[in-house]
Amino acid sequence: MPKRILSGVVTSNANAQTVTVSVERRFTHPVMKKTIRKSKKYRAHDEQNAFNVGDTVQIQECAPKSKTKRWEVITA
């Protein structure tokens, strides 16, 4: 099964080798037909601590690295 790839913005890099990435998705509401923006935060593994707050990154699914990390940063 292919791994999912998401694109988002780094919102935190306070922890070692970890970044928090906010991923936004847009969809049309089924009843009101209005475009809605929803965001979700993912914690991703960043081996070299290379990314800072505000960077746009792509993250990919991976095997669990810790209790909360199931994603890894693949590119800026």
N, C-alpha and C. Protein backbone atom coordinates (compact mmCIF):
# COMPACT_ATOMS: atom_id res chain seq x y z
N MET A 1 0.85 -1.18 0.00
CA MET A 1 0.00 0.00 0.00
C MET A 1 0.89 1.23 0.00
N PRO A 2 0.63 2.21 -0.86
CA PRO A 2 1.47 3.41 -0.91
C PRO A 2 1.32 4.25 0.35
N LYS A 3 2.39 4.94 0.67
CA LYS A 3 2.37 5.80 1.85
C LYS A 3 1.76 7.15 1.50
N ARG A 4 0.97 7.68 2.42
CA ARG A 4 0.36 8.98 2.19
C ARG A 4 1.40 10.08 2.32
N ILE A 5 1.28 11.10 1.50
CA ILE A 5 2.15 12.27 1.57
C ILE A 5 1.26 13.49 1.74
N LEU A 6 1.53 14.29 2.77
CA LEU A 6 0.77 15.50 3.05
C LEU A 6 1.70 16.69 3.02
N SER A 7 1.14 17.85 2.75
CA SER A 7 1.91 19.09 2.70
C SER A 7 1.34 20.05 3.74
N GLY A 8 2.23 20.70 4.50
CA GLY A 8 1.76 21.62 5.53
C GLY A 8 2.84 22.58 5.97
N VAL A 9 2.54 23.33 7.03
CA VAL A 9 3.43 24.36 7.54
C VAL A 9 3.89 23.98 8.95
N VAL A 10 5.19 24.13 9.21
CA VAL A 10 5.74 23.83 10.54
C VAL A 10 5.24 24.88 11.52
N THR A 11 4.61 24.43 12.62
CA THR A 11 4.10 25.36 13.63
C THR A 11 4.93 25.33 14.91
N SER A 12 5.74 24.28 15.11
CA SER A 12 6.57 24.20 16.30
C SER A 12 7.77 23.30 16.03
N ASN A 13 8.93 23.69 16.58
CA ASN A 13 10.11 22.84 16.52
C ASN A 13 10.82 22.81 17.87
N ALA A 14 10.04 22.89 18.94
CA ALA A 14 10.58 22.99 20.30
C ALA A 14 11.25 21.69 20.76
N ASN A 15 10.75 20.55 20.32
CA ASN A 15 11.30 19.28 20.77
C ASN A 15 12.44 18.82 19.85
N ALA A 16 13.34 18.01 20.41
CA ALA A 16 14.47 17.52 19.63
C ALA A 16 13.99 16.51 18.60
N GLN A 17 14.45 16.66 17.37
CA GLN A 17 14.16 15.78 16.25
C GLN A 17 12.66 15.64 15.95
N THR A 18 11.87 16.62 16.35
CA THR A 18 10.43 16.58 16.11
C THR A 18 9.93 17.94 15.68
N VAL A 19 9.05 17.96 14.70
CA VAL A 19 8.37 19.19 14.31
C VAL A 19 6.87 18.92 14.31
N THR A 20 6.09 19.94 14.61
CA THR A 20 4.65 19.86 14.53
C THR A 20 4.25 20.54 13.23
N VAL A 21 3.51 19.81 12.40
CA VAL A 21 3.12 20.30 11.08
C VAL A 21 1.60 20.44 11.03
N SER A 22 1.14 21.61 10.65
CA SER A 22 -0.29 21.87 10.50
C SER A 22 -0.68 21.68 9.04
N VAL A 23 -1.57 20.73 8.79
CA VAL A 23 -2.01 20.42 7.43
C VAL A 23 -3.45 20.89 7.27
N GLU A 24 -3.67 21.72 6.24
CA GLU A 24 -5.01 22.27 6.00
C GLU A 24 -5.65 21.58 4.81
N ARG A 25 -6.95 21.26 4.95
CA ARG A 25 -7.67 20.69 3.83
C ARG A 25 -8.92 21.52 3.57
N ARG A 26 -9.32 21.60 2.32
CA ARG A 26 -10.50 22.36 1.92
C ARG A 26 -11.50 21.41 1.31
N PHE A 27 -12.78 21.61 1.66
CA PHE A 27 -13.82 20.78 1.08
C PHE A 27 -15.12 21.57 1.08
N THR A 28 -16.06 21.12 0.29
CA THR A 28 -17.36 21.76 0.21
C THR A 28 -18.32 21.11 1.20
N HIS A 29 -18.99 21.92 1.98
CA HIS A 29 -19.95 21.41 2.95
C HIS A 29 -21.09 20.72 2.19
N PRO A 30 -21.51 19.53 2.64
CA PRO A 30 -22.50 18.79 1.87
C PRO A 30 -23.88 19.45 1.78
N VAL A 31 -24.27 20.22 2.79
CA VAL A 31 -25.59 20.85 2.78
C VAL A 31 -25.52 22.31 2.37
N MET A 32 -24.59 23.05 2.97
CA MET A 32 -24.53 24.50 2.74
C MET A 32 -23.76 24.88 1.47
N LYS A 33 -23.04 23.93 0.88
CA LYS A 33 -22.28 24.15 -0.35
C LYS A 33 -21.25 25.28 -0.22
N LYS A 34 -20.75 25.47 0.98
CA LYS A 34 -19.76 26.50 1.25
C LYS A 34 -18.39 25.81 1.42
N THR A 35 -17.34 26.43 0.92
CA THR A 35 -16.01 25.87 1.07
C THR A 35 -15.53 26.08 2.50
N ILE A 36 -15.10 24.98 3.12
CA ILE A 36 -14.68 25.01 4.51
C ILE A 36 -13.21 24.63 4.59
N ARG A 37 -12.45 25.31 5.49
CA ARG A 37 -11.06 24.99 5.74
C ARG A 37 -10.95 24.31 7.10
N LYS A 38 -10.37 23.14 7.13
CA LYS A 38 -10.10 22.45 8.39
C LYS A 38 -8.63 22.13 8.45
N SER A 39 -8.06 22.22 9.64
CA SER A 39 -6.64 21.91 9.78
C SER A 39 -6.46 20.86 10.87
N LYS A 40 -5.38 20.11 10.74
CA LYS A 40 -5.04 19.09 11.70
C LYS A 40 -3.54 19.12 11.90
N LYS A 41 -3.10 18.86 13.13
CA LYS A 41 -1.67 18.88 13.42
C LYS A 41 -1.12 17.46 13.47
N TYR A 42 0.06 17.29 12.88
CA TYR A 42 0.77 16.02 12.91
C TYR A 42 2.15 16.27 13.48
N ARG A 43 2.64 15.31 14.29
CA ARG A 43 4.01 15.39 14.78
C ARG A 43 4.87 14.51 13.88
N ALA A 44 5.93 15.10 13.34
CA ALA A 44 6.77 14.41 12.37
C ALA A 44 8.23 14.38 12.81
N HIS A 45 8.92 13.34 12.39
CA HIS A 45 10.33 13.13 12.74
C HIS A 45 11.21 13.98 11.82
N ASP A 46 12.11 14.75 12.43
CA ASP A 46 13.05 15.61 11.70
C ASP A 46 14.44 15.30 12.24
N GLU A 47 15.15 14.41 11.56
CA GLU A 47 16.42 13.86 12.07
C GLU A 47 17.46 14.93 12.37
N GLN A 48 17.66 15.90 11.46
CA GLN A 48 18.72 16.90 11.63
C GLN A 48 18.24 18.21 12.25
N ASN A 49 17.02 18.29 12.72
CA ASN A 49 16.47 19.54 13.25
C ASN A 49 16.65 20.67 12.22
N ALA A 50 16.33 20.38 10.97
CA ALA A 50 16.62 21.30 9.87
C ALA A 50 15.52 22.32 9.62
N PHE A 51 14.32 22.10 10.14
CA PHE A 51 13.18 22.94 9.78
C PHE A 51 12.77 23.87 10.92
N ASN A 52 12.37 25.08 10.55
CA ASN A 52 11.97 26.08 11.52
C ASN A 52 10.51 26.44 11.34
N VAL A 53 9.96 27.17 12.30
CA VAL A 53 8.56 27.59 12.25
C VAL A 53 8.31 28.42 10.99
N GLY A 54 7.24 28.09 10.28
CA GLY A 54 6.89 28.82 9.07
C GLY A 54 7.31 28.13 7.78
N ASP A 55 8.18 27.13 7.87
CA ASP A 55 8.61 26.41 6.67
C ASP A 55 7.49 25.53 6.14
N THR A 56 7.38 25.46 4.81
CA THR A 56 6.42 24.55 4.19
C THR A 56 7.14 23.25 3.90
N VAL A 57 6.59 22.14 4.39
CA VAL A 57 7.24 20.84 4.26
C VAL A 57 6.25 19.79 3.77
N GLN A 58 6.78 18.67 3.32
CA GLN A 58 5.97 17.51 2.99
C GLN A 58 6.31 16.41 3.99
N ILE A 59 5.28 15.72 4.47
CA ILE A 59 5.49 14.64 5.42
C ILE A 59 4.93 13.35 4.83
N GLN A 60 5.52 12.23 5.26
CA GLN A 60 5.14 10.93 4.73
C GLN A 60 4.91 9.97 5.89
N GLU A 61 3.95 9.07 5.73
CA GLU A 61 3.68 8.06 6.74
C GLU A 61 4.90 7.18 6.93
N CYS A 62 5.09 6.70 8.16
CA CYS A 62 6.18 5.77 8.44
C CYS A 62 5.78 4.89 9.62
N ALA A 63 6.63 3.96 9.95
CA ALA A 63 6.40 3.12 11.13
C ALA A 63 6.49 4.01 12.37
N PRO A 64 5.81 3.66 13.45
CA PRO A 64 5.84 4.51 14.65
C PRO A 64 7.26 4.74 15.18
N LYS A 65 7.60 6.02 15.37
CA LYS A 65 8.91 6.38 15.91
C LYS A 65 8.83 6.59 17.42
N SER A 66 7.66 7.00 17.91
CA SER A 66 7.44 7.20 19.34
C SER A 66 5.94 7.10 19.59
N LYS A 67 5.52 7.49 20.78
CA LYS A 67 4.10 7.40 21.14
C LYS A 67 3.23 8.24 20.21
N THR A 68 3.71 9.41 19.80
CA THR A 68 2.88 10.32 18.99
C THR A 68 3.36 10.49 17.55
N LYS A 69 4.58 10.06 17.23
CA LYS A 69 5.13 10.29 15.89
C LYS A 69 4.89 9.11 14.97
N ARG A 70 4.13 9.36 13.90
CA ARG A 70 3.86 8.35 12.87
C ARG A 70 4.18 8.88 11.48
N TRP A 71 4.84 10.04 11.43
CA TRP A 71 5.15 10.71 10.16
C TRP A 71 6.61 11.12 10.17
N GLU A 72 7.19 11.31 8.98
CA GLU A 72 8.55 11.83 8.87
C GLU A 72 8.60 12.88 7.77
N VAL A 73 9.44 13.89 7.96
CA VAL A 73 9.60 14.96 6.98
C VAL A 73 10.44 14.42 5.83
N ILE A 74 9.95 14.62 4.59
CA ILE A 74 10.71 14.12 3.44
C ILE A 74 11.35 15.24 2.63
N THR A 75 10.74 16.43 2.60
CA THR A 75 11.31 17.52 1.81
C THR A 75 10.78 18.85 2.29
N ALA A 76 11.50 19.91 1.94
CA ALA A 76 11.07 21.26 2.32
C ALA A 76 10.23 21.86 1.22
